[in-house]
Protein backbone atom coordinates (compact mmCIF):
# COMPACT_ATOMS: atom_id res chain seq x y z
CA MET A 1 63.31 -121.09 47.83
CA CYS A 2 66.94 -120.58 46.73
CA GLN A 3 69.68 -122.05 48.82
CA ASN A 4 72.15 -119.83 50.79
CA ASN A 5 74.80 -120.06 48.11
CA GLN A 6 72.37 -119.33 45.28
CA THR A 7 71.18 -115.98 44.01
CA LYS A 8 67.53 -115.52 43.19
CA VAL A 9 67.02 -114.64 39.50
CA THR A 10 64.94 -111.50 38.90
CA GLU A 11 65.59 -111.17 35.18
CA PHE A 12 66.45 -113.35 32.20
CA ILE A 13 68.96 -112.76 29.48
CA LEU A 14 67.76 -113.51 25.88
CA LEU A 15 70.55 -114.30 23.51
CA GLY A 16 68.51 -114.12 20.31
CA PHE A 17 70.22 -114.88 16.98
CA TYR A 18 73.74 -114.25 18.39
CA SER A 19 75.43 -116.28 15.54
CA PHE A 20 74.11 -113.78 12.98
CA TYR A 21 74.98 -110.55 14.86
CA ASP A 22 77.63 -109.63 12.25
CA PHE A 23 74.58 -108.65 10.18
CA GLU A 24 72.52 -107.09 12.93
CA ILE A 25 71.62 -103.98 11.03
CA LEU A 26 70.33 -106.02 8.11
CA PHE A 27 68.42 -108.24 10.49
CA PHE A 28 66.90 -105.34 12.28
CA LEU A 29 65.82 -103.60 9.12
CA LEU A 30 64.37 -106.90 7.74
CA PHE A 31 62.25 -107.65 10.85
CA LEU A 32 61.21 -103.99 11.19
CA PHE A 33 59.99 -104.00 7.56
CA VAL A 34 58.20 -107.35 7.99
CA TYR A 35 56.55 -106.13 11.20
CA ILE A 36 55.34 -102.90 9.49
CA VAL A 37 53.88 -104.93 6.62
CA ILE A 38 52.12 -107.32 9.05
CA LEU A 39 50.60 -104.36 10.94
CA SER A 40 49.52 -102.62 7.70
CA GLU A 41 47.97 -105.75 6.23
CA ASN A 42 46.01 -106.74 9.30
CA LEU A 43 44.95 -103.24 10.23
CA LEU A 44 43.66 -102.81 6.68
CA ILE A 45 41.58 -106.08 7.01
CA VAL A 46 40.16 -104.76 10.33
CA ALA A 47 39.31 -101.43 8.89
CA LEU A 48 37.78 -102.91 5.68
CA ILE A 49 35.50 -105.28 7.61
CA SER A 50 34.55 -102.58 10.18
CA VAL A 51 33.40 -100.02 7.55
CA SER A 52 32.29 -101.97 4.60
CA GLN A 53 28.62 -102.97 4.46
CA SER A 54 29.30 -105.73 2.01
CA LEU A 55 31.60 -107.58 4.51
CA LYS A 56 29.04 -108.19 7.25
CA HIS A 57 28.83 -111.92 6.79
CA PRO A 58 29.80 -114.29 9.73
CA MET A 59 33.12 -115.41 8.02
CA TYR A 60 34.36 -111.73 7.95
CA LEU A 61 33.64 -111.27 11.71
CA PHE A 62 35.90 -114.32 12.34
CA LEU A 63 38.49 -112.94 9.91
CA LYS A 64 38.46 -109.58 11.66
CA ASN A 65 39.22 -111.16 15.01
CA LEU A 66 41.85 -113.42 13.41
CA SER A 67 43.63 -110.23 12.18
CA VAL A 68 43.54 -108.76 15.70
CA VAL A 69 45.11 -112.00 17.01
CA ASP A 70 47.79 -111.79 14.45
CA ILE A 71 48.66 -108.19 15.45
CA LEU A 72 48.80 -109.20 19.06
CA SER A 73 50.99 -112.31 18.60
CA THR A 74 53.37 -110.59 16.20
CA SER A 75 53.79 -107.53 18.42
CA ASN A 76 54.50 -109.82 21.31
CA ALA A 77 57.33 -111.54 19.54
CA VAL A 78 58.86 -109.03 17.13
CA ILE A 79 59.16 -105.95 19.34
CA PRO A 80 61.31 -107.77 21.92
CA LEU A 81 63.28 -109.35 19.02
CA LEU A 82 64.09 -105.98 17.65
CA GLN A 83 65.38 -104.87 21.06
CA VAL A 84 67.55 -108.00 21.36
CA ILE A 85 69.01 -107.45 17.89
CA LEU A 86 69.90 -103.87 18.68
CA LYS A 87 71.49 -104.60 22.08
CA LYS A 88 72.82 -108.03 20.98
CA THR A 89 71.24 -109.44 24.18
CA GLY A 90 68.03 -108.72 25.86
CA ARG A 91 67.20 -108.41 29.57
CA ILE A 92 63.64 -109.10 30.66
CA HIS A 93 62.15 -109.39 34.17
CA VAL A 94 60.95 -112.84 35.13
CA SER A 95 57.30 -111.65 35.45
CA HIS A 96 57.47 -109.93 32.15
CA CYS A 97 58.97 -113.10 30.63
CA ILE A 98 56.01 -115.20 31.86
CA PHE A 99 53.62 -112.54 30.68
CA GLN A 100 55.20 -112.76 27.17
CA TYR A 101 54.53 -116.55 27.11
CA TYR A 102 51.00 -115.80 28.33
CA ILE A 103 50.36 -113.61 25.30
CA LEU A 104 51.88 -116.19 23.00
CA CYS A 105 49.63 -118.99 24.45
CA PHE A 106 46.52 -116.72 24.65
CA SER A 107 46.80 -115.63 21.03
CA GLY A 108 47.52 -119.24 19.87
CA PHE A 109 44.39 -120.59 21.65
CA VAL A 110 42.20 -117.80 20.34
CA GLN A 111 43.42 -118.37 16.79
CA SER A 112 42.85 -122.13 17.18
CA PHE A 113 39.13 -121.56 18.32
CA LEU A 114 38.52 -119.00 15.55
CA LEU A 115 39.81 -121.29 12.87
CA THR A 116 37.55 -124.05 14.29
CA ALA A 117 34.51 -121.66 14.22
CA MET A 118 35.39 -120.74 10.74
CA SER A 119 35.50 -124.39 9.62
CA PHE A 120 32.17 -124.91 11.24
CA ASP A 121 30.88 -121.89 9.25
CA ARG A 122 32.15 -123.40 5.98
CA PHE A 123 30.72 -126.81 6.93
CA LEU A 124 27.24 -125.36 7.36
CA ALA A 125 27.45 -123.14 4.23
CA ILE A 126 28.33 -126.17 1.99
CA CYS A 127 26.83 -129.20 3.70
CA HIS A 128 23.67 -127.67 5.18
CA PRO A 129 23.01 -124.37 3.22
CA LEU A 130 19.32 -124.27 4.13
CA ARG A 131 20.10 -124.19 7.88
CA TYR A 132 23.00 -121.79 7.46
CA SER A 133 21.25 -118.52 7.97
CA THR A 134 19.34 -119.89 10.90
CA ILE A 135 22.32 -121.22 12.87
CA MET A 136 25.04 -118.66 11.83
CA ASN A 137 23.08 -115.54 12.65
CA ALA A 138 24.72 -112.38 14.09
CA GLU A 139 24.01 -113.36 17.66
CA ASN A 140 25.50 -116.83 17.42
CA CYS A 141 28.58 -115.63 15.57
CA LEU A 142 29.18 -113.02 18.28
CA ARG A 143 28.80 -115.75 20.91
CA LEU A 144 31.40 -117.89 19.13
CA VAL A 145 33.88 -114.95 18.95
CA CYS A 146 33.42 -113.90 22.55
CA SER A 147 33.65 -117.55 23.73
CA SER A 148 37.00 -117.94 21.87
CA TRP A 149 38.54 -115.00 23.70
CA LEU A 150 37.02 -115.71 27.09
CA VAL A 151 37.83 -119.51 27.18
CA ALA A 152 41.45 -118.85 26.04
CA PHE A 153 41.76 -116.17 28.82
CA LEU A 154 40.49 -118.53 31.54
CA LEU A 155 42.59 -121.49 30.40
CA ILE A 156 45.81 -119.66 30.10
CA THR A 157 45.41 -117.60 33.27
CA SER A 158 45.25 -120.94 35.29
CA GLU A 159 48.63 -121.96 33.87
CA MET A 160 50.18 -118.67 34.47
CA ILE A 161 49.34 -118.84 38.13
CA LEU A 162 51.40 -122.07 38.34
CA LEU A 163 54.26 -120.47 36.37
CA TYR A 164 54.39 -117.47 38.69
CA GLN A 165 55.03 -119.79 41.63
CA LEU A 166 58.26 -121.22 40.20
CA GLN A 167 61.62 -120.22 41.56
CA PHE A 168 64.69 -119.37 39.51
CA CYS A 169 68.18 -119.45 41.04
CA GLN A 170 71.62 -118.68 39.59
CA SER A 171 71.26 -119.52 35.84
CA ASN A 172 69.29 -116.95 33.85
CA VAL A 173 70.37 -117.29 30.25
CA ILE A 174 67.71 -118.24 27.65
CA ASP A 175 69.08 -119.15 24.16
CA HIS A 176 66.04 -117.85 22.36
CA PHE A 177 64.63 -114.50 21.10
CA PHE A 178 61.56 -114.66 23.41
CA CYS A 179 60.28 -116.56 26.44
CA ASP A 180 58.99 -119.94 25.41
CA ILE A 181 57.82 -122.57 27.97
CA ALA A 182 60.71 -125.10 27.44
CA PRO A 183 63.71 -122.88 28.20
CA VAL A 184 61.83 -121.19 31.11
CA LEU A 185 61.11 -124.60 32.75
CA GLU A 186 64.70 -125.67 32.19
CA LEU A 187 65.99 -122.73 34.25
CA SER A 188 63.51 -123.33 37.09
CA THR A 189 64.88 -124.77 40.31
CA SER A 190 61.38 -125.72 41.43
CA ASP A 191 59.54 -128.88 40.58
CA ALA A 192 58.06 -128.00 37.28
CA THR A 193 56.37 -131.37 36.61
CA LEU A 194 52.90 -130.13 37.34
CA VAL A 195 53.32 -127.06 35.04
CA SER A 196 54.79 -129.19 32.25
CA TRP A 197 51.99 -131.70 32.30
CA TYR A 198 49.37 -128.97 32.61
CA ASP A 199 50.79 -127.24 29.59
CA PHE A 200 50.85 -130.50 27.65
CA ALA A 201 47.17 -131.23 28.59
CA LEU A 202 46.03 -127.78 27.61
CA SER A 203 47.91 -127.92 24.27
CA LEU A 204 46.48 -131.40 23.56
CA SER A 205 42.94 -130.48 24.49
CA PHE A 206 42.66 -127.05 22.91
CA ILE A 207 45.08 -127.20 19.98
CA PHE A 208 45.00 -130.85 18.86
CA VAL A 209 41.21 -131.35 19.48
CA PRO A 210 40.18 -128.24 17.48
CA PHE A 211 42.50 -129.47 14.70
CA LEU A 212 40.58 -132.79 14.67
CA LEU A 213 37.25 -130.89 14.48
CA VAL A 214 38.65 -128.84 11.54
CA LEU A 215 39.78 -132.02 9.84
CA VAL A 216 36.39 -133.76 10.26
CA SER A 217 34.65 -130.59 8.99
CA TYR A 218 36.71 -130.65 5.80
CA ILE A 219 36.28 -134.37 5.25
CA CYS A 220 32.48 -133.75 5.28
CA ILE A 221 32.98 -130.69 3.01
CA ILE A 222 35.08 -132.67 0.47
CA VAL A 223 32.52 -135.52 0.51
CA THR A 224 29.66 -133.02 -0.17
CA ILE A 225 31.61 -131.25 -2.95
CA LEU A 226 32.36 -134.61 -4.70
CA LYS A 227 28.58 -135.38 -4.78
CA ILE A 228 27.94 -132.15 -6.80
CA SER A 229 27.28 -133.21 -10.38
CA SER A 230 28.58 -130.14 -12.27
CA VAL A 231 32.25 -129.22 -12.42
CA ILE A 232 31.44 -125.51 -12.10
CA GLY A 233 29.39 -126.18 -8.92
CA ARG A 234 32.29 -128.06 -7.43
CA LYS A 235 34.75 -125.30 -8.20
CA LYS A 236 32.37 -122.62 -6.77
CA ALA A 237 31.85 -124.67 -3.53
CA PHE A 238 35.51 -125.30 -3.09
CA SER A 239 36.44 -121.71 -3.74
CA THR A 240 34.28 -120.62 -0.73
CA CYS A 241 36.57 -122.51 1.64
CA SER A 242 40.03 -122.57 -0.11
CA SER A 243 41.24 -119.47 1.65
CA HIS A 244 40.34 -120.82 5.05
CA LEU A 245 41.89 -124.22 4.25
CA ALA A 246 45.09 -122.43 3.17
CA VAL A 247 45.30 -120.57 6.50
CA VAL A 248 44.59 -123.73 8.43
CA CYS A 249 47.43 -125.53 6.63
CA THR A 250 49.83 -122.63 7.30
CA TYR A 251 48.82 -122.43 11.00
CA TYR A 252 48.96 -126.04 11.93
CA GLY A 253 51.85 -126.75 9.60
CA THR A 254 54.03 -124.31 11.46
CA LEU A 255 52.93 -125.70 14.78
CA ILE A 256 53.88 -129.28 13.68
CA ALA A 257 57.23 -127.97 12.42
CA ILE A 258 57.89 -126.35 15.86
CA TYR A 259 56.60 -128.94 18.38
CA LEU A 260 56.41 -132.26 16.60
CA VAL A 261 59.60 -132.34 14.49
CA PRO A 262 62.54 -133.51 16.65
CA SER A 263 64.88 -130.67 17.48
CA SER A 264 68.61 -130.71 18.23
CA HIS A 265 70.54 -128.63 20.73
CA ARG A 266 73.18 -128.25 18.08
CA LEU A 267 70.65 -126.61 15.75
CA LEU A 268 69.23 -124.02 18.07
CA ASP A 269 69.15 -121.37 15.37
CA GLU A 270 67.07 -123.71 13.24
CA ASN A 271 64.66 -124.02 16.17
CA LYS A 272 64.40 -120.27 16.43
CA PHE A 273 63.67 -119.94 12.74
CA ARG A 274 60.95 -122.49 13.15
CA THR A 275 59.38 -120.32 15.88
CA LEU A 276 59.65 -117.33 13.55
CA MET A 277 57.50 -119.24 11.11
CA TYR A 278 54.67 -119.30 13.62
CA THR A 279 55.12 -115.81 15.11
CA VAL A 280 55.97 -113.92 11.88
CA ILE A 281 55.38 -115.79 8.68
CA THR A 282 51.81 -116.93 9.51
CA PRO A 283 50.50 -113.41 10.39
CA LEU A 284 52.31 -112.12 7.21
CA VAL A 285 50.62 -114.53 4.73
CA ASN A 286 47.16 -114.81 6.32
CA PRO A 287 45.88 -111.37 5.04
CA VAL A 288 47.53 -112.04 1.58
CA ILE A 289 45.73 -115.39 1.24
CA TYR A 290 42.34 -113.91 2.14
CA SER A 291 42.79 -110.81 0.06
CA LEU A 292 44.00 -112.46 -3.14
CA LYS A 293 41.41 -115.21 -2.97
CA ASN A 294 38.37 -113.13 -2.02
CA GLN A 295 36.69 -110.80 -4.54
CA GLU A 296 34.49 -109.16 -1.96
CA ILE A 297 37.55 -108.01 0.04
CA ILE A 298 39.22 -106.78 -3.10
CA GLY A 299 36.06 -104.92 -4.10
CA ALA A 300 35.77 -103.37 -0.60
CA MET A 301 39.45 -102.36 -0.76
CA LYS A 302 38.93 -100.59 -4.13
CA LYS A 303 35.98 -98.65 -2.71
CA LEU A 304 37.94 -97.72 0.35
CA PHE A 305 40.78 -96.18 -1.64
CA ARG A 306 38.37 -94.39 -3.90
């Protein structure tokens, strides 16, 4: 509870990119354009996979859900950012702020699980092709997708229950463009030790561990590819997983840049741009990587426009 001389905080003030507000119109138009492009790209991927009979393989089911996650995470970050840029500051209720972080974590966990499932799919296709159709049937693929969404929902909901119990008094300014866990915990006047450790344990278990599984899968894939005698066979095998590998590198590369590279309070704008890499750049390039590297998607796109 807040002390007698303290005022309970009911809303936070988001400062956004205040050092660049001399160019707020340019910034607004830039992010609005990028957001429209991201929506168009990912909605096109979802539509293509939904209507095209040639894109009914397990990999495309994962890709379709990955595009839905990209739309969710980008909308959660960019729409409030556009409001902050227009008003030069943004006001958000405490409960809405926590919910915004909930969507961020939820989409991140689902994406991590989906990328792990996709790496398992590529592992079976290259290392155990004879067992692939038996294991990666439609029913098992649907189970993997549903499990990714359900497990992420249950895990993040438990953390949000702890966050909603925190008290905030007096200070309510967040030097960011959306509600991340670190600035929120800094403003809390309650003991946030349990929440901090719980968030760390969740991230370690369900972001780092899936990354290790993806890494092990690709070590096995590379070893199998190197055993192929013909150069053409090696190129063909590698081309089936090159798109997924590029997305994995983009996704985990941005996470490492945000959370593992040391940050400085004097370079807050740099930290915000790092976060933009994860919330904006990754959803922007994912559909491009899959579209340009996949002849089946390009073929389905030509048929759709015809």
